[in-house]
Amino acid sequence: MTRSPNPFALVLPLLAACAACSASSDPSIAVTSYDRSCMSVADCVAVYEGPANCCGLSCVNTAISQRALAAYRSGVVSATKMACGGTTGTCHDGEALFPDSCTGRVACRAGQCVLDVPPTDGAAE
């Protein structure tokens, strides 16, 4: 009589490998990969930098150049899809990147876009 292998013995190594992959690192948005140069405050837009999740982003906490906004939005879509296992989260509509309660004022200082006034909701650290 041939004994069949224990199905759990085959599945456990796969589960362990899967857990190791998901625990490696959360997707995040880093503004260092986007243009931050400016000539005036009109060249700047407030954005979020940090971990992404399925439901969008936290409040703005830094700034980039308006010229980089399309690439930034594309990066946000990619990061949120990664955070959601390859799908778009049901609570992220793709247009409203930040909660309505977010505040901040951008500035162009020494040719670089910056956020002068940090968020007041305590979301950014």
C-alpha atoms as a PDB file:
ATOM      1  CA  MET A   1       0.000   0.000   0.000  1.00  0.00           C
ATOM      2  CA  THR A   2       1.385   3.408  -1.047  1.00  0.00           C
ATOM      3  CA  ARG A   3       1.015   6.116   1.467  1.00  0.00           C
ATOM      4  CA  SER A   4       0.073   9.543   0.101  1.00  0.00           C
ATOM      5  CA  PRO A   5       1.996  12.538   1.404  1.00  0.00           C
ATOM      6  CA  ASN A   6       0.421  14.677   4.089  1.00  0.00           C
ATOM      7  CA  PRO A   7      -1.192  17.641   2.269  1.00  0.00           C
ATOM      8  CA  PHE A   8      -0.256  19.983   5.119  1.00  0.00           C
ATOM      9  CA  ALA A   9       3.411  19.080   4.707  1.00  0.00           C
ATOM     10  CA  LEU A  10       3.230  20.399   1.152  1.00  0.00           C
ATOM     11  CA  VAL A  11       1.264  23.568   1.975  1.00  0.00           C
ATOM     12  CA  LEU A  12       3.153  24.779   5.055  1.00  0.00           C
ATOM     13  CA  PRO A  13       6.399  25.698   3.224  1.00  0.00           C
ATOM     14  CA  LEU A  14       4.349  27.656   0.668  1.00  0.00           C
ATOM     15  CA  LEU A  15       2.507  29.537   3.405  1.00  0.00           C
ATOM     16  CA  ALA A  16       5.774  30.357   5.140  1.00  0.00           C
ATOM     17  CA  ALA A  17       7.237  31.680   1.894  1.00  0.00           C
ATOM     18  CA  CYS A  18       4.121  33.757   1.256  1.00  0.00           C
ATOM     19  CA  ALA A  19       4.246  35.267   4.750  1.00  0.00           C
ATOM     20  CA  ALA A  20       7.882  36.189   4.285  1.00  0.00           C
ATOM     21  CA  CYS A  21       7.054  38.010   1.050  1.00  0.00           C
ATOM     22  CA  SER A  22       4.203  40.031   2.505  1.00  0.00           C
ATOM     23  CA  ALA A  23       6.202  40.998   5.588  1.00  0.00           C
ATOM     24  CA  SER A  24       9.201  42.278   3.628  1.00  0.00           C
ATOM     25  CA  SER A  25       8.135  45.904   3.193  1.00  0.00           C
ATOM     26  CA  ASP A  26       5.009  47.942   2.730  1.00  0.00           C
ATOM     27  CA  PRO A  27       4.664  49.965  -0.465  1.00  0.00           C
ATOM     28  CA  SER A  28       5.362  53.633   0.031  1.00  0.00           C
ATOM     29  CA  ILE A  29       5.627  56.904  -1.834  1.00  0.00           C
ATOM     30  CA  ALA A  30       8.975  58.699  -1.699  1.00  0.00           C
ATOM     31  CA  VAL A  31       9.184  62.231  -3.071  1.00  0.00           C
ATOM     32  CA  THR A  32      12.938  61.915  -3.612  1.00  0.00           C
ATOM     33  CA  SER A  33      12.105  60.285  -6.935  1.00  0.00           C
ATOM     34  CA  TYR A  34      10.085  63.329  -8.122  1.00  0.00           C
ATOM     35  CA  ASP A  35      11.128  66.799  -9.282  1.00  0.00           C
ATOM     36  CA  ARG A  36      10.992  69.314  -6.436  1.00  0.00           C
ATOM     37  CA  SER A  37      12.526  72.304  -8.236  1.00  0.00           C
ATOM     38  CA  CYS A  38      10.654  75.600  -8.523  1.00  0.00           C
ATOM     39  CA  MET A  39      10.963  79.217  -9.583  1.00  0.00           C
ATOM     40  CA  SER A  40       7.928  80.387  -7.585  1.00  0.00           C
ATOM     41  CA  VAL A  41       5.284  78.999  -5.234  1.00  0.00           C
ATOM     42  CA  ALA A  42       2.993  78.514  -8.266  1.00  0.00           C
ATOM     43  CA  ASP A  43       5.331  75.708  -9.388  1.00  0.00           C
ATOM     44  CA  CYS A  44       4.655  73.660  -6.218  1.00  0.00           C
ATOM     45  CA  VAL A  45       1.939  71.276  -5.042  1.00  0.00           C
ATOM     46  CA  ALA A  46       1.470  69.622  -1.649  1.00  0.00           C
ATOM     47  CA  VAL A  47       1.682  65.820  -1.607  1.00  0.00           C
ATOM     48  CA  TYR A  48       1.949  62.893   0.792  1.00  0.00           C
ATOM     49  CA  GLU A  49       5.130  60.899   1.391  1.00  0.00           C
ATOM     50  CA  GLY A  50       5.040  57.639   3.333  1.00  0.00           C
ATOM     51  CA  PRO A  51       3.357  54.228   3.441  1.00  0.00           C
ATOM     52  CA  ALA A  52       0.482  53.587   1.054  1.00  0.00           C
ATOM     53  CA  ASN A  53      -2.678  51.659   1.844  1.00  0.00           C
ATOM     54  CA  CYS A  54      -5.799  50.498   0.005  1.00  0.00           C
ATOM     55  CA  CYS A  55      -7.872  53.514   0.991  1.00  0.00           C
ATOM     56  CA  GLY A  56      -5.654  56.298  -0.296  1.00  0.00           C
ATOM     57  CA  LEU A  57      -3.174  58.383   1.581  1.00  0.00           C
ATOM     58  CA  SER A  58      -2.789  60.338   4.768  1.00  0.00           C
ATOM     59  CA  CYS A  59      -2.567  64.115   4.752  1.00  0.00           C
ATOM     60  CA  VAL A  60       0.009  66.063   2.818  1.00  0.00           C
ATOM     61  CA  ASN A  61       3.413  66.310   4.472  1.00  0.00           C
ATOM     62  CA  THR A  62       5.758  67.588   1.742  1.00  0.00           C
ATOM     63  CA  ALA A  63       5.743  69.229  -1.693  1.00  0.00           C
ATOM     64  CA  ILE A  64       6.856  68.532  -5.265  1.00  0.00           C
ATOM     65  CA  SER A  65       6.901  70.446  -8.534  1.00  0.00           C
ATOM     66  CA  GLN A  66       3.621  70.715 -10.467  1.00  0.00           C
ATOM     67  CA  ARG A  67       5.554  69.220 -13.407  1.00  0.00           C
ATOM     68  CA  ALA A  68       5.940  65.969 -11.454  1.00  0.00           C
ATOM     69  CA  LEU A  69       2.297  65.663 -10.374  1.00  0.00           C
ATOM     70  CA  ALA A  70       1.225  63.264 -13.172  1.00  0.00           C
ATOM     71  CA  ALA A  71       4.137  60.930 -12.409  1.00  0.00           C
ATOM     72  CA  TYR A  72       3.368  61.213  -8.675  1.00  0.00           C
ATOM     73  CA  ARG A  73      -0.276  60.247  -9.247  1.00  0.00           C
ATOM     74  CA  SER A  74       0.867  57.248 -11.274  1.00  0.00           C
ATOM     75  CA  GLY A  75       3.192  56.244  -8.438  1.00  0.00           C
ATOM     76  CA  VAL A  76       0.322  56.558  -5.960  1.00  0.00           C
ATOM     77  CA  VAL A  77      -1.847  54.261  -8.078  1.00  0.00           C
ATOM     78  CA  SER A  78       0.974  51.689  -8.273  1.00  0.00           C
ATOM     79  CA  ALA A  79       1.689  51.856  -4.531  1.00  0.00           C
ATOM     80  CA  THR A  80      -1.975  51.540  -3.524  1.00  0.00           C
ATOM     81  CA  LYS A  81      -2.429  48.594  -5.894  1.00  0.00           C
ATOM     82  CA  MET A  82       0.585  46.910  -4.304  1.00  0.00           C
ATOM     83  CA  ALA A  83      -0.844  47.574  -0.848  1.00  0.00           C
ATOM     84  CA  CYS A  84      -4.153  46.025  -1.951  1.00  0.00           C
ATOM     85  CA  GLY A  85      -2.656  42.878  -3.443  1.00  0.00           C
ATOM     86  CA  GLY A  86      -2.854  44.014  -7.077  1.00  0.00           C
ATOM     87  CA  THR A  87      -6.307  45.585  -7.055  1.00  0.00           C
ATOM     88  CA  THR A  88      -7.515  49.127  -6.510  1.00  0.00           C
ATOM     89  CA  GLY A  89      -9.031  49.684  -3.086  1.00  0.00           C
ATOM     90  CA  THR A  90     -12.776  50.217  -2.982  1.00  0.00           C
ATOM     91  CA  CYS A  91     -12.504  53.454  -1.021  1.00  0.00           C
ATOM     92  CA  HIS A  92      -9.908  55.168  -3.249  1.00  0.00           C
ATOM     93  CA  ASP A  93     -11.504  56.967  -6.191  1.00  0.00           C
ATOM     94  CA  GLY A  94      -8.244  58.013  -7.859  1.00  0.00           C
ATOM     95  CA  GLU A  95      -9.124  61.715  -7.858  1.00  0.00           C
ATOM     96  CA  ALA A  96      -9.230  62.776  -4.207  1.00  0.00           C
ATOM     97  CA  LEU A  97      -5.715  61.851  -3.104  1.00  0.00           C
ATOM     98  CA  PHE A  98      -5.980  63.301   0.391  1.00  0.00           C
ATOM     99  CA  PRO A  99      -8.689  63.593   3.057  1.00  0.00           C
ATOM    100  CA  ASP A 100     -10.741  66.800   2.937  1.00  0.00           C
ATOM    101  CA  SER A 101      -9.411  67.753   6.360  1.00  0.00           C
ATOM    102  CA  CYS A 102      -5.812  68.073   5.129  1.00  0.00           C
ATOM    103  CA  THR A 103      -4.155  71.461   5.338  1.00  0.00           C
ATOM    104  CA  GLY A 104      -0.803  72.810   4.352  1.00  0.00           C
ATOM    105  CA  ARG A 105       0.817  75.698   2.514  1.00  0.00           C
ATOM    106  CA  VAL A 106       3.493  75.166  -0.088  1.00  0.00           C
ATOM    107  CA  ALA A 107       6.470  77.451  -0.617  1.00  0.00           C
ATOM    108  CA  CYS A 108       9.373  77.709  -3.026  1.00  0.00           C
ATOM    109  CA  ARG A 109      12.472  78.087  -0.910  1.00  0.00           C
ATOM    110  CA  ALA A 110      15.969  78.168  -2.441  1.00  0.00           C
ATOM    111  CA  GLY A 111      14.595  76.664  -5.648  1.00  0.00           C
ATOM    112  CA  GLN A 112      12.933  73.706  -3.882  1.00  0.00           C
ATOM    113  CA  CYS A 113       9.254  73.060  -3.182  1.00  0.00           C
ATOM    114  CA  VAL A 114       8.556  72.690   0.545  1.00  0.00           C
ATOM    115  CA  LEU A 115       5.522  72.466   2.806  1.00  0.00           C
ATOM    116  CA  ASP A 116       5.551  75.476   5.125  1.00  0.00           C
ATOM    117  CA  VAL A 117       2.582  74.622   7.300  1.00  0.00           C
ATOM    118  CA  PRO A 118       2.448  71.011   8.494  1.00  0.00           C
ATOM    119  CA  PRO A 119      -0.878  69.159   8.690  1.00  0.00           C
ATOM    120  CA  THR A 120      -2.963  69.930  11.758  1.00  0.00           C
ATOM    121  CA  ASP A 121      -4.611  66.523  12.075  1.00  0.00           C
ATOM    122  CA  GLY A 122      -1.512  64.793  13.486  1.00  0.00           C
ATOM    123  CA  ALA A 123      -1.380  62.281  10.595  1.00  0.00           C
ATOM    124  CA  ALA A 124       2.169  63.170   9.581  1.00  0.00           C
ATOM    125  CA  GLU A 125       5.027  62.760  11.968  1.00  0.00           C
END
